[in-house]
Each structure stands twice: as C-alpha cells, then as structure tokens.
C-alpha cells in the first residue's frame, strides 16, 4: 500500500464518519422541529462544520432528508433480515423490531413527525412515504396470505385487513409511546407487549422471543 493510497483511505473513512455524524444531527433536529423548521446551517453547527462543508456531503436539505429516511429503513431492514436468518417467525421479528425501536427514541420521533408532515403532496418526503406504506402493506399482506395458506392464522382473519391493522397499530403505538415518556416508568406504553398481544389474536404461532 502506497502512502497516497493509505491517506486516501483514511480520508474516505473520515468522510464516512462525518456523514454519519451529520445524519445523526439531522435526525435529532428533524425530530425537534420537523423538516420545514430545520436548517442546514443549524445542523452544520451541531457537528462543528461550516455550511459549505455540510453541502459537500449533502448538496440540499431534500438530499439530507432522503438520506435520513434511507438510514432508518436500512437499520430496520438489517435487523429483520438478521432475525429471519436465525429462524424467527414474522410476528416475532416484528415484536423484536418494536422492542429495538424503543431504544432509538430520536429515529422514532423523526419518523412520527415526518410521516405526519409528508401527507401534504408538496412535501419532499411525500412520495417516499406513499411508496413506503404501499410496500409495507403489500409485504405484510403477503406474509399473512402465506400464513393463511399454511393454516397459521386465527379463524376469520382476513389478510388485507389484518395487514392494514398491523401497520396502523405499529405506527400508532409509536406516537402513544412518545407521549407517555414523561410518565412514571410503569405507566408508559409498552409497544412490544401491546403488539405481541394483538398478533396473538391474528396468528396461531406468533413464536417465542427468548432474547
């Protein structure tokens, strides 16, 4: 390895680290103020770089928003894929995902804020959330239809309706959980427990979480 190559690799690693730092700062500010209330200058200040320095990594606020949303999806997707590779069922993987999200308050906050903001067609994340909900519902319905074909759904459960209910419950629980965080610990919403209880009314074999 030449000195030039070594320096280039160190520079690349440093750039990736700074990009990640910017993403985390953006997650925090988007959660606090929403997309429209956040400014690139404030995000740059939080990570100790200039506004032009931030633009080197993310040329527009919309590009930064897209990166934040992709980051959240990548984290969730990796967690679910890891669970499935370990042989966990679909409902068990969902409960574990919700349990992990309870340890990631900033990303839950930013998702809740942006999902509400982005219902406006002129919001830069509108198409992202429209696609995401369509894909999530289609995937959930497909999982439920497979379970139905294998006799693993409770009698009377209709896959399309159940898919909408599960997605709505998961998103709604996040909002209720956020509002409950200023209460005594025993009075806070337990997203994982509530989701697991609902899935027990849908699936006959929701799996057991031993972790």
N, C-alpha and C. Protein backbone atom coordinates (compact mmCIF):
# COMPACT_ATOMS: atom_id res chain seq x y z
N UNK A 1 0.84 -1.20 0.00
CA UNK A 1 0.00 0.00 0.00
C UNK A 1 0.88 1.25 0.00
N UNK A 2 0.61 2.15 -0.94
CA UNK A 2 1.39 3.37 -1.01
C UNK A 2 0.89 4.37 0.03
N UNK A 3 1.74 5.38 0.30
CA UNK A 3 1.34 6.42 1.25
C UNK A 3 0.12 7.18 0.74
N UNK A 4 0.06 7.37 -0.58
CA UNK A 4 -1.08 8.08 -1.17
C UNK A 4 -2.37 7.30 -0.99
N UNK A 5 -2.30 5.97 -1.23
CA UNK A 5 -3.48 5.12 -1.07
C UNK A 5 -3.94 5.09 0.37
N UNK A 6 -2.98 4.98 1.29
CA UNK A 6 -3.30 4.95 2.72
C UNK A 6 -3.97 6.25 3.14
N UNK A 7 -3.46 7.37 2.66
CA UNK A 7 -4.05 8.65 3.01
C UNK A 7 -5.46 8.78 2.44
N UNK A 8 -5.64 8.26 1.23
CA UNK A 8 -6.96 8.31 0.61
C UNK A 8 -7.98 7.51 1.40
N UNK A 9 -7.55 6.34 1.90
CA UNK A 9 -8.46 5.50 2.68
C UNK A 9 -8.80 6.15 4.01
N UNK A 10 -7.82 6.79 4.63
CA UNK A 10 -8.10 7.49 5.88
C UNK A 10 -9.07 8.64 5.64
N UNK A 11 -8.88 9.35 4.51
CA UNK A 11 -9.78 10.44 4.18
C UNK A 11 -11.19 9.95 3.92
N UNK A 12 -11.30 8.79 3.27
CA UNK A 12 -12.62 8.21 2.99
C UNK A 12 -13.32 7.82 4.28
N UNK A 13 -12.57 7.18 5.18
CA UNK A 13 -13.15 6.77 6.46
C UNK A 13 -13.57 7.99 7.27
N UNK A 14 -12.76 9.04 7.24
CA UNK A 14 -13.10 10.26 7.95
C UNK A 14 -14.37 10.89 7.36
N UNK A 15 -14.47 10.86 6.03
CA UNK A 15 -15.64 11.42 5.38
C UNK A 15 -16.90 10.64 5.73
N UNK A 16 -16.81 9.31 5.79
CA UNK A 16 -17.96 8.50 6.17
C UNK A 16 -18.38 8.77 7.60
N UNK A 17 -17.40 8.93 8.48
CA UNK A 17 -17.70 9.21 9.88
C UNK A 17 -18.42 10.56 10.01
N UNK A 18 -17.96 11.55 9.26
CA UNK A 18 -18.60 12.87 9.31
C UNK A 18 -20.01 12.81 8.74
N UNK A 19 -20.19 12.04 7.68
CA UNK A 19 -21.52 11.88 7.08
C UNK A 19 -22.48 11.26 8.10
N UNK A 20 -22.02 10.26 8.82
CA UNK A 20 -22.85 9.63 9.84
C UNK A 20 -23.18 10.61 10.95
N UNK A 21 -22.21 11.44 11.33
CA UNK A 21 -22.44 12.44 12.36
C UNK A 21 -23.51 13.45 11.91
N UNK A 22 -23.43 13.85 10.64
CA UNK A 22 -24.43 14.77 10.09
C UNK A 22 -25.81 14.12 10.10
N UNK A 23 -25.89 12.86 9.72
CA UNK A 23 -27.18 12.16 9.72
C UNK A 23 -27.79 12.14 11.11
N UNK A 24 -26.97 11.84 12.13
CA UNK A 24 -27.50 11.78 13.49
C UNK A 24 -27.97 13.15 13.96
N UNK A 25 -27.23 14.19 13.59
CA UNK A 25 -27.65 15.55 13.94
C UNK A 25 -28.95 15.92 13.25
N UNK A 26 -29.08 15.53 11.99
CA UNK A 26 -30.30 15.81 11.24
C UNK A 26 -31.49 15.06 11.83
N UNK A 27 -31.28 13.81 12.23
CA UNK A 27 -32.35 13.05 12.87
C UNK A 27 -32.86 13.79 14.10
N UNK A 28 -31.92 14.27 14.92
CA UNK A 28 -32.31 15.00 16.13
C UNK A 28 -33.07 16.27 15.83
N UNK A 29 -32.59 17.06 14.86
CA UNK A 29 -33.24 18.34 14.57
C UNK A 29 -34.57 18.14 13.85
N UNK A 30 -34.64 17.19 12.92
CA UNK A 30 -35.92 16.92 12.24
C UNK A 30 -36.97 16.47 13.26
N UNK A 31 -36.54 15.70 14.26
CA UNK A 31 -37.47 15.25 15.29
C UNK A 31 -37.96 16.42 16.14
N UNK A 32 -37.08 17.40 16.38
CA UNK A 32 -37.42 18.54 17.22
C UNK A 32 -38.31 19.54 16.50
N UNK A 33 -38.01 19.82 15.24
CA UNK A 33 -38.67 20.93 14.55
C UNK A 33 -39.41 20.54 13.28
N UNK A 34 -39.31 19.28 12.85
CA UNK A 34 -39.87 18.89 11.57
C UNK A 34 -38.92 19.29 10.44
N UNK A 35 -39.26 18.87 9.24
CA UNK A 35 -38.40 19.16 8.09
C UNK A 35 -38.35 20.66 7.80
N UNK A 36 -39.50 21.29 7.76
CA UNK A 36 -39.54 22.70 7.37
C UNK A 36 -38.90 23.60 8.42
N UNK A 37 -38.93 23.20 9.67
CA UNK A 37 -38.35 24.03 10.72
C UNK A 37 -36.85 23.88 10.87
N UNK A 38 -36.28 22.87 10.26
CA UNK A 38 -34.84 22.61 10.38
C UNK A 38 -34.07 23.40 9.32
N UNK A 39 -32.84 23.78 9.66
CA UNK A 39 -31.98 24.46 8.69
C UNK A 39 -30.66 23.74 8.58
N UNK A 40 -30.10 23.74 7.40
CA UNK A 40 -28.80 23.10 7.19
C UNK A 40 -27.72 23.79 8.01
N UNK A 41 -27.83 25.10 8.18
CA UNK A 41 -26.83 25.82 8.96
C UNK A 41 -26.81 25.36 10.41
N UNK A 42 -28.00 25.12 10.98
CA UNK A 42 -28.04 24.64 12.36
C UNK A 42 -27.48 23.24 12.47
N UNK A 43 -27.79 22.39 11.51
CA UNK A 43 -27.23 21.03 11.52
C UNK A 43 -25.72 21.09 11.41
N UNK A 44 -25.22 21.94 10.52
CA UNK A 44 -23.76 22.09 10.37
C UNK A 44 -23.14 22.54 11.69
N UNK A 45 -23.80 23.49 12.37
CA UNK A 45 -23.28 23.97 13.64
C UNK A 45 -23.23 22.88 14.69
N UNK A 46 -24.18 21.98 14.67
CA UNK A 46 -24.22 20.91 15.66
C UNK A 46 -23.08 19.92 15.49
N UNK A 47 -22.57 19.80 14.27
CA UNK A 47 -21.47 18.86 14.04
C UNK A 47 -20.13 19.58 13.87
N UNK A 48 -20.14 20.90 14.07
CA UNK A 48 -18.90 21.65 14.06
C UNK A 48 -18.26 21.84 12.71
N UNK A 49 -19.07 21.98 11.66
CA UNK A 49 -18.53 22.25 10.34
C UNK A 49 -19.25 23.46 9.75
N UNK A 50 -18.72 23.99 8.67
CA UNK A 50 -19.34 25.14 8.02
C UNK A 50 -20.52 24.69 7.17
N UNK A 51 -21.36 25.64 6.80
CA UNK A 51 -22.46 25.34 5.90
C UNK A 51 -21.96 24.77 4.57
N UNK A 52 -20.95 25.37 3.93
CA UNK A 52 -20.40 24.77 2.70
C UNK A 52 -19.84 23.38 2.95
N UNK A 53 -19.28 23.15 4.14
CA UNK A 53 -18.75 21.83 4.45
C UNK A 53 -19.86 20.78 4.48
N UNK A 54 -21.02 21.15 5.02
CA UNK A 54 -22.14 20.23 5.02
C UNK A 54 -22.63 19.96 3.60
N UNK A 55 -22.67 21.02 2.79
CA UNK A 55 -23.14 20.87 1.41
C UNK A 55 -22.23 19.95 0.59
N UNK A 56 -21.00 19.79 1.03
CA UNK A 56 -20.10 18.84 0.36
C UNK A 56 -20.63 17.41 0.50
N UNK A 57 -21.26 17.13 1.63
CA UNK A 57 -21.81 15.78 1.87
C UNK A 57 -23.24 15.67 1.37
N UNK A 58 -24.04 16.71 1.59
CA UNK A 58 -25.45 16.71 1.20
C UNK A 58 -25.76 18.05 0.53
N UNK A 59 -25.87 18.08 -0.78
CA UNK A 59 -25.99 19.36 -1.50
C UNK A 59 -27.29 20.11 -1.25
N UNK A 60 -28.35 19.43 -0.77
CA UNK A 60 -29.62 20.09 -0.49
C UNK A 60 -30.23 19.50 0.77
N UNK A 61 -31.17 20.22 1.35
CA UNK A 61 -31.87 19.70 2.53
C UNK A 61 -32.70 18.47 2.14
N UNK A 62 -33.26 18.47 0.94
CA UNK A 62 -34.03 17.31 0.48
C UNK A 62 -33.14 16.08 0.38
N UNK A 63 -31.91 16.26 -0.07
CA UNK A 63 -30.99 15.13 -0.17
C UNK A 63 -30.66 14.58 1.22
N UNK A 64 -30.52 15.48 2.19
CA UNK A 64 -30.25 15.05 3.56
C UNK A 64 -31.46 14.32 4.13
N UNK A 65 -32.66 14.81 3.87
CA UNK A 65 -33.87 14.15 4.33
C UNK A 65 -33.96 12.74 3.76
N UNK A 66 -33.68 12.62 2.47
CA UNK A 66 -33.71 11.30 1.83
C UNK A 66 -32.72 10.35 2.49
N UNK A 67 -31.53 10.85 2.81
CA UNK A 67 -30.52 10.02 3.45
C UNK A 67 -30.96 9.58 4.84
N UNK A 68 -31.61 10.48 5.58
CA UNK A 68 -32.11 10.14 6.91
C UNK A 68 -33.14 9.01 6.82
N UNK A 69 -34.07 9.12 5.89
CA UNK A 69 -35.11 8.11 5.74
C UNK A 69 -34.52 6.77 5.28
N UNK A 70 -33.57 6.84 4.36
CA UNK A 70 -32.92 5.61 3.90
C UNK A 70 -32.14 4.95 5.02
N UNK A 71 -31.53 5.78 5.88
CA UNK A 71 -30.78 5.25 7.02
C UNK A 71 -31.70 4.47 7.94
N UNK A 72 -32.87 5.04 8.25
CA UNK A 72 -33.80 4.35 9.13
C UNK A 72 -34.24 3.02 8.52
N UNK A 73 -34.57 3.02 7.23
CA UNK A 73 -35.01 1.79 6.58
C UNK A 73 -33.90 0.75 6.56
N UNK A 74 -32.67 1.19 6.33
CA UNK A 74 -31.54 0.25 6.28
C UNK A 74 -31.33 -0.43 7.62
N UNK A 75 -31.44 0.33 8.70
CA UNK A 75 -31.27 -0.23 10.04
C UNK A 75 -32.37 -1.26 10.32
N UNK A 76 -33.62 -0.90 10.04
CA UNK A 76 -34.73 -1.82 10.28
C UNK A 76 -34.62 -3.06 9.41
N UNK A 77 -34.27 -2.87 8.14
CA UNK A 77 -34.18 -3.99 7.21
C UNK A 77 -33.10 -4.97 7.65
N UNK A 78 -31.96 -4.45 8.09
CA UNK A 78 -30.86 -5.31 8.53
C UNK A 78 -31.27 -6.12 9.76
N UNK A 79 -31.98 -5.48 10.69
CA UNK A 79 -32.42 -6.17 11.90
C UNK A 79 -33.40 -7.30 11.56
N UNK A 80 -34.36 -7.01 10.69
CA UNK A 80 -35.35 -8.03 10.34
C UNK A 80 -34.70 -9.18 9.58
N UNK A 81 -33.81 -8.87 8.65
CA UNK A 81 -33.13 -9.92 7.89
C UNK A 81 -32.31 -10.81 8.81
N UNK A 82 -31.67 -10.21 9.81
CA UNK A 82 -30.89 -10.99 10.77
C UNK A 82 -31.81 -11.92 11.56
N UNK A 83 -32.96 -11.42 11.98
CA UNK A 83 -33.91 -12.26 12.71
C UNK A 83 -34.39 -13.43 11.86
N UNK A 84 -34.72 -13.14 10.60
CA UNK A 84 -35.23 -14.21 9.74
C UNK A 84 -34.16 -15.26 9.46
N UNK A 85 -32.90 -14.82 9.31
CA UNK A 85 -31.82 -15.77 9.09
C UNK A 85 -31.63 -16.68 10.30
N UNK A 86 -32.01 -16.20 11.47
CA UNK A 86 -31.92 -17.00 12.68
C UNK A 86 -33.16 -17.86 12.91
N UNK A 87 -34.07 -17.82 11.95
CA UNK A 87 -35.23 -18.71 12.01
C UNK A 87 -36.42 -18.17 12.78
N UNK A 88 -36.43 -16.89 13.10
CA UNK A 88 -37.56 -16.33 13.84
C UNK A 88 -38.74 -16.09 12.90
N UNK A 89 -39.93 -16.20 13.45
CA UNK A 89 -41.15 -16.02 12.66
C UNK A 89 -41.36 -14.54 12.34
N UNK A 90 -42.27 -14.28 11.38
CA UNK A 90 -42.60 -12.90 11.03
C UNK A 90 -43.13 -12.12 12.23
N UNK A 91 -44.13 -12.63 12.96
CA UNK A 91 -44.62 -11.85 14.10
C UNK A 91 -43.56 -11.64 15.18
N UNK A 92 -42.74 -12.63 15.42
CA UNK A 92 -41.68 -12.46 16.41
C UNK A 92 -40.69 -11.39 15.97
N UNK A 93 -40.37 -11.37 14.69
CA UNK A 93 -39.44 -10.36 14.17
C UNK A 93 -40.02 -8.96 14.33
N UNK A 94 -41.34 -8.82 14.13
CA UNK A 94 -41.98 -7.51 14.29
C UNK A 94 -41.91 -7.04 15.74
N UNK A 95 -42.17 -7.95 16.67
CA UNK A 95 -42.11 -7.59 18.09
C UNK A 95 -40.69 -7.19 18.48
N UNK A 96 -39.72 -7.91 17.99
CA UNK A 96 -38.33 -7.58 18.30
C UNK A 96 -37.94 -6.23 17.69
N UNK A 97 -38.44 -5.93 16.50
CA UNK A 97 -38.16 -4.63 15.88
C UNK A 97 -38.72 -3.50 16.73
N UNK A 98 -39.94 -3.66 17.19
CA UNK A 98 -40.55 -2.63 18.03
C UNK A 98 -39.78 -2.48 19.34
N UNK A 99 -39.33 -3.58 19.90
CA UNK A 99 -38.55 -3.51 21.14
C UNK A 99 -37.24 -2.75 20.92
N UNK A 100 -36.61 -2.96 19.78
CA UNK A 100 -35.37 -2.23 19.48
C UNK A 100 -35.66 -0.74 19.26
N UNK A 101 -36.78 -0.46 18.61
CA UNK A 101 -37.12 0.94 18.36
C UNK A 101 -37.36 1.71 19.66
N UNK A 102 -37.78 1.01 20.70
CA UNK A 102 -37.97 1.67 21.99
C UNK A 102 -36.64 2.14 22.58
N UNK A 103 -35.55 1.69 22.03
CA UNK A 103 -34.22 2.14 22.46
C UNK A 103 -33.66 3.21 21.52
N UNK A 104 -34.44 3.58 20.50
CA UNK A 104 -33.97 4.54 19.49
C UNK A 104 -34.96 5.69 19.38
N UNK A 105 -35.16 6.40 20.47
CA UNK A 105 -36.17 7.45 20.50
C UNK A 105 -36.02 8.47 19.37
N UNK A 106 -34.82 9.00 19.10
CA UNK A 106 -34.73 10.03 18.06
C UNK A 106 -35.26 9.58 16.70
N UNK A 107 -34.95 8.36 16.29
CA UNK A 107 -35.40 7.92 14.97
C UNK A 107 -36.89 7.66 14.96
N UNK A 108 -37.46 7.24 16.09
CA UNK A 108 -38.91 7.08 16.19
C UNK A 108 -39.59 8.44 16.11
N UNK A 109 -39.01 9.43 16.79
CA UNK A 109 -39.57 10.78 16.76
C UNK A 109 -39.54 11.36 15.35
N UNK A 110 -38.42 11.22 14.67
CA UNK A 110 -38.33 11.83 13.34
C UNK A 110 -39.29 11.14 12.37
N UNK A 111 -39.48 9.85 12.50
CA UNK A 111 -40.42 9.15 11.63
C UNK A 111 -41.83 9.63 11.89
N UNK A 112 -42.21 9.75 13.17
CA UNK A 112 -43.56 10.19 13.50
C UNK A 112 -43.83 11.61 13.00
N UNK A 113 -42.85 12.50 13.18
CA UNK A 113 -43.01 13.89 12.75
C UNK A 113 -43.11 13.97 11.23
N UNK A 114 -42.20 13.30 10.53
CA UNK A 114 -42.16 13.42 9.08
C UNK A 114 -43.33 12.71 8.41
N UNK A 115 -43.77 11.58 8.98
CA UNK A 115 -44.91 10.87 8.38
C UNK A 115 -46.15 11.74 8.41
N UNK A 116 -46.31 12.52 9.48
CA UNK A 116 -47.47 13.42 9.57
C UNK A 116 -47.30 14.62 8.62
N UNK A 117 -46.11 15.20 8.59
CA UNK A 117 -45.86 16.34 7.71
C UNK A 117 -46.04 15.97 6.24
N UNK A 118 -45.60 14.78 5.90
CA UNK A 118 -45.49 14.40 4.48
C UNK A 118 -46.81 14.01 3.85
N UNK A 119 -47.92 14.09 4.58
CA UNK A 119 -49.21 13.85 3.93
C UNK A 119 -49.51 14.94 2.89
N UNK A 120 -48.87 16.10 3.04
CA UNK A 120 -49.03 17.17 2.05
C UNK A 120 -48.31 16.77 0.77
N UNK A 121 -48.97 16.82 -0.39
CA UNK A 121 -48.35 16.40 -1.64
C UNK A 121 -47.10 17.18 -2.02
N UNK A 122 -46.94 18.41 -1.51
CA UNK A 122 -45.77 19.20 -1.88
C UNK A 122 -44.60 19.00 -0.93
N UNK A 123 -44.75 18.11 0.05
CA UNK A 123 -43.63 17.83 0.96
C UNK A 123 -42.61 16.96 0.23
N UNK A 124 -41.31 17.21 0.41
CA UNK A 124 -40.30 16.43 -0.31
C UNK A 124 -40.28 14.95 0.04
N UNK A 125 -40.87 14.57 1.17
CA UNK A 125 -40.89 13.15 1.54
C UNK A 125 -42.24 12.50 1.23
N UNK A 126 -43.13 13.22 0.56
CA UNK A 126 -44.47 12.67 0.30
C UNK A 126 -44.41 11.38 -0.51
N UNK A 127 -43.68 11.39 -1.61
CA UNK A 127 -43.60 10.20 -2.45
C UNK A 127 -42.91 9.06 -1.72
N UNK A 128 -41.89 9.39 -0.91
CA UNK A 128 -41.20 8.35 -0.14
C UNK A 128 -42.19 7.62 0.77
N UNK A 129 -42.97 8.37 1.56
CA UNK A 129 -43.89 7.74 2.50
C UNK A 129 -45.02 7.03 1.78
N UNK A 130 -45.49 7.59 0.66
CA UNK A 130 -46.53 6.91 -0.11
C UNK A 130 -46.03 5.54 -0.60
N UNK A 131 -44.81 5.53 -1.13
CA UNK A 131 -44.22 4.25 -1.59
C UNK A 131 -43.99 3.31 -0.42
N UNK A 132 -43.50 3.87 0.68
CA UNK A 132 -43.17 3.03 1.84
C UNK A 132 -44.41 2.35 2.39
N UNK A 133 -45.50 3.10 2.53
CA UNK A 133 -46.73 2.49 3.04
C UNK A 133 -47.27 1.44 2.07
N UNK A 134 -47.21 1.74 0.79
CA UNK A 134 -47.69 0.77 -0.19
C UNK A 134 -46.87 -0.51 -0.13
N UNK A 135 -45.55 -0.38 -0.04
CA UNK A 135 -44.67 -1.55 0.02
C UNK A 135 -44.85 -2.31 1.31
N UNK A 136 -44.92 -1.59 2.42
CA UNK A 136 -45.08 -2.23 3.72
C UNK A 136 -46.38 -3.01 3.80
N UNK A 137 -47.45 -2.40 3.31
CA UNK A 137 -48.75 -3.09 3.32
C UNK A 137 -48.74 -4.32 2.42
N UNK A 138 -48.12 -4.19 1.25
CA UNK A 138 -48.06 -5.33 0.33
C UNK A 138 -47.25 -6.47 0.94
N UNK A 139 -46.12 -6.15 1.56
CA UNK A 139 -45.28 -7.18 2.19
C UNK A 139 -46.01 -7.85 3.34
N UNK A 140 -46.67 -7.03 4.17
CA UNK A 140 -47.40 -7.58 5.31
C UNK A 140 -48.54 -8.48 4.84
N UNK A 141 -49.25 -8.04 3.82
CA UNK A 141 -50.35 -8.86 3.29
C UNK A 141 -49.82 -10.17 2.74
N UNK A 142 -48.67 -10.13 2.04
CA UNK A 142 -48.10 -11.36 1.50
C UNK A 142 -47.71 -12.33 2.62
N UNK A 143 -47.13 -11.80 3.70
CA UNK A 143 -46.77 -12.65 4.84
C UNK A 143 -48.02 -13.30 5.43
N UNK A 144 -49.08 -12.51 5.56
CA UNK A 144 -50.31 -13.02 6.16
C UNK A 144 -51.00 -14.03 5.23
N UNK A 145 -50.92 -13.80 3.94
CA UNK A 145 -51.52 -14.76 3.00
C UNK A 145 -50.78 -16.09 3.03
N UNK A 146 -49.45 -16.04 3.17
CA UNK A 146 -48.68 -17.28 3.31
C UNK A 146 -49.08 -18.01 4.60
N UNK A 147 -49.21 -17.23 5.67
CA UNK A 147 -49.60 -17.83 6.95
C UNK A 147 -50.99 -18.45 6.85
N UNK A 148 -51.91 -17.77 6.13
CA UNK A 148 -53.26 -18.30 5.97
C UNK A 148 -53.23 -19.62 5.19
N UNK A 149 -52.41 -19.67 4.13
CA UNK A 149 -52.32 -20.88 3.32
C UNK A 149 -51.76 -22.05 4.13
N UNK A 150 -50.96 -21.73 5.13
CA UNK A 150 -50.34 -22.76 5.98
C UNK A 150 -51.16 -23.03 7.24
N UNK A 151 -52.32 -22.39 7.35
CA UNK A 151 -53.18 -22.62 8.49
C UNK A 151 -52.69 -22.00 9.78
N UNK A 152 -51.93 -20.90 9.67
CA UNK A 152 -51.34 -20.28 10.87
C UNK A 152 -52.02 -18.98 11.28
N UNK A 153 -53.20 -18.69 10.69
CA UNK A 153 -53.96 -17.52 11.11
C UNK A 153 -55.19 -17.96 11.90
N UNK A 154 -55.63 -17.10 12.81
CA UNK A 154 -56.85 -17.38 13.56
C UNK A 154 -58.05 -17.39 12.62
N UNK A 155 -59.07 -18.17 12.94
CA UNK A 155 -60.28 -18.19 12.10
C UNK A 155 -60.87 -16.80 11.95
N UNK A 156 -61.26 -16.46 10.73
CA UNK A 156 -61.89 -15.19 10.46
C UNK A 156 -60.95 -14.04 10.15
N UNK A 157 -59.63 -14.24 10.28
CA UNK A 157 -58.67 -13.18 9.98
C UNK A 157 -58.53 -13.04 8.47
N UNK A 158 -58.75 -11.85 7.96
CA UNK A 158 -58.63 -11.57 6.52
C UNK A 158 -57.30 -10.86 6.30
N UNK A 159 -56.39 -11.41 5.48
CA UNK A 159 -55.03 -10.88 5.36
C UNK A 159 -54.94 -9.40 5.03
N UNK A 160 -55.70 -8.90 4.08
CA UNK A 160 -55.58 -7.49 3.69
C UNK A 160 -55.97 -6.57 4.85
N UNK A 161 -57.07 -6.88 5.54
CA UNK A 161 -57.50 -6.06 6.67
C UNK A 161 -56.51 -6.17 7.83
N UNK A 162 -56.00 -7.37 8.07
CA UNK A 162 -55.04 -7.56 9.15
C UNK A 162 -53.74 -6.81 8.88
N UNK A 163 -53.33 -6.78 7.61
CA UNK A 163 -52.10 -6.05 7.26
C UNK A 163 -52.26 -4.57 7.57
N UNK A 164 -53.40 -4.00 7.19
CA UNK A 164 -53.64 -2.58 7.48
C UNK A 164 -53.68 -2.33 8.98
N UNK A 165 -54.28 -3.24 9.72
CA UNK A 165 -54.38 -3.09 11.17
C UNK A 165 -53.01 -3.16 11.84
N UNK A 166 -52.17 -4.06 11.40
CA UNK A 166 -50.84 -4.21 12.00
C UNK A 166 -50.00 -2.96 11.75
N UNK A 167 -50.00 -2.48 10.50
CA UNK A 167 -49.22 -1.27 10.18
C UNK A 167 -49.75 -0.07 10.96
N UNK A 168 -51.07 0.07 11.01
CA UNK A 168 -51.66 1.18 11.75
C UNK A 168 -51.33 1.09 13.24
N UNK A 169 -51.38 -0.12 13.80
CA UNK A 169 -51.07 -0.29 15.22
C UNK A 169 -49.63 0.06 15.52
N UNK A 170 -48.71 -0.42 14.69
CA UNK A 170 -47.29 -0.15 14.94
C UNK A 170 -46.99 1.34 14.90
N UNK A 171 -47.54 2.04 13.91
CA UNK A 171 -47.30 3.48 13.82
C UNK A 171 -48.00 4.23 14.94
N UNK A 172 -49.23 3.83 15.25
CA UNK A 172 -49.97 4.49 16.32
C UNK A 172 -49.34 4.28 17.68
N UNK A 173 -48.82 3.09 17.93
CA UNK A 173 -48.16 2.82 19.21
C UNK A 173 -46.93 3.71 19.39
N UNK A 174 -46.24 3.99 18.28
CA UNK A 174 -45.06 4.86 18.39
C UNK A 174 -45.45 6.24 18.91
N UNK A 175 -46.54 6.79 18.39
CA UNK A 175 -46.99 8.11 18.82
C UNK A 175 -47.42 8.07 20.29
N UNK A 176 -48.20 7.06 20.67
CA UNK A 176 -48.65 6.95 22.05
C UNK A 176 -47.46 6.75 23.00
N UNK A 177 -46.48 5.98 22.55
CA UNK A 177 -45.28 5.75 23.36
C UNK A 177 -44.53 7.04 23.59
N UNK A 178 -44.36 7.84 22.55
CA UNK A 178 -43.65 9.11 22.68
C UNK A 178 -44.36 10.03 23.69
N UNK A 179 -45.67 10.07 23.64
CA UNK A 179 -46.43 10.91 24.57
C UNK A 179 -46.35 10.38 26.01
N UNK A 180 -46.08 9.10 26.16
CA UNK A 180 -46.08 8.50 27.51
C UNK A 180 -44.73 8.60 28.21
N UNK A 181 -43.70 9.07 27.53
CA UNK A 181 -42.34 9.01 28.08
C UNK A 181 -42.12 9.93 29.27
N UNK A 182 -42.99 10.92 29.48
CA UNK A 182 -42.84 11.79 30.64
C UNK A 182 -43.61 11.27 31.85
N UNK A 183 -44.21 10.10 31.73
CA UNK A 183 -44.93 9.48 32.84
C UNK A 183 -43.99 8.58 33.64
N UNK A 184 -44.39 8.16 34.85
CA UNK A 184 -43.60 7.17 35.58
C UNK A 184 -43.39 5.92 34.73
N UNK A 185 -42.30 5.24 34.91
CA UNK A 185 -41.93 4.13 34.03
C UNK A 185 -43.03 3.09 33.91
N UNK A 186 -43.70 2.79 35.02
CA UNK A 186 -44.74 1.76 34.98
C UNK A 186 -45.98 2.16 34.22
N UNK A 187 -46.14 3.44 33.94
CA UNK A 187 -47.32 3.92 33.22
C UNK A 187 -47.05 4.17 31.74
N UNK A 188 -45.83 3.92 31.29
CA UNK A 188 -45.51 4.19 29.89
C UNK A 188 -46.05 3.08 28.99
N UNK A 189 -46.31 3.45 27.75
CA UNK A 189 -46.78 2.47 26.76
C UNK A 189 -45.68 1.46 26.47
N UNK A 190 -46.02 0.19 26.51
CA UNK A 190 -45.09 -0.89 26.16
C UNK A 190 -45.45 -1.34 24.75
N UNK A 191 -44.78 -0.75 23.77
CA UNK A 191 -45.12 -1.03 22.37
C UNK A 191 -45.00 -2.50 22.03
N UNK A 192 -43.93 -3.13 22.46
CA UNK A 192 -43.69 -4.53 22.11
C UNK A 192 -44.77 -5.44 22.72
N UNK A 193 -45.12 -5.19 23.98
CA UNK A 193 -46.12 -6.03 24.63
C UNK A 193 -47.49 -5.86 23.98
N UNK A 194 -47.84 -4.62 23.64
CA UNK A 194 -49.15 -4.38 23.00
C UNK A 194 -49.20 -5.00 21.61
N UNK A 195 -48.12 -4.90 20.85
CA UNK A 195 -48.10 -5.51 19.52
C UNK A 195 -48.17 -7.03 19.64
N UNK A 196 -47.43 -7.60 20.57
CA UNK A 196 -47.44 -9.05 20.75
C UNK A 196 -48.84 -9.54 21.11
N UNK A 197 -49.54 -8.79 21.95
CA UNK A 197 -50.90 -9.18 22.33
C UNK A 197 -51.83 -9.16 21.12
N UNK A 198 -51.67 -8.15 20.26
CA UNK A 198 -52.51 -8.09 19.06
C UNK A 198 -52.18 -9.23 18.10
N UNK A 199 -50.90 -9.50 17.90
CA UNK A 199 -50.52 -10.56 16.97
C UNK A 199 -50.99 -11.92 17.45
N UNK A 200 -51.17 -12.08 18.76
CA UNK A 200 -51.70 -13.33 19.29
C UNK A 200 -53.14 -13.55 18.85
N UNK A 201 -53.83 -12.47 18.50
CA UNK A 201 -55.21 -12.58 18.01
C UNK A 201 -55.25 -12.79 16.50
N UNK A 202 -54.10 -12.69 15.86
CA UNK A 202 -54.01 -12.84 14.41
C UNK A 202 -53.39 -14.19 14.02
N UNK A 203 -52.25 -14.50 14.62
CA UNK A 203 -51.51 -15.71 14.31
C UNK A 203 -51.78 -16.80 15.36
N UNK A 204 -51.67 -18.04 14.92
CA UNK A 204 -51.73 -19.15 15.88
C UNK A 204 -50.35 -19.52 16.39
N UNK A 205 -49.29 -19.04 15.69
CA UNK A 205 -47.92 -19.41 16.08
C UNK A 205 -47.02 -18.18 16.01
N UNK A 206 -47.25 -17.21 16.89
CA UNK A 206 -46.51 -15.96 16.80
C UNK A 206 -45.05 -16.11 17.20
N UNK A 207 -44.66 -17.28 17.74
CA UNK A 207 -43.26 -17.50 18.10
C UNK A 207 -42.96 -16.99 19.49
N UNK A 208 -41.85 -17.43 20.01
CA UNK A 208 -41.43 -17.00 21.33
C UNK A 208 -40.12 -16.25 21.23
N UNK A 209 -40.04 -15.14 21.93
CA UNK A 209 -38.81 -14.34 21.94
C UNK A 209 -38.00 -14.71 23.15
N UNK A 210 -36.87 -15.34 22.93
CA UNK A 210 -36.05 -15.78 24.06
C UNK A 210 -34.89 -14.85 24.31
N UNK A 211 -34.74 -13.80 23.47
CA UNK A 211 -33.61 -12.89 23.64
C UNK A 211 -33.97 -11.77 24.60
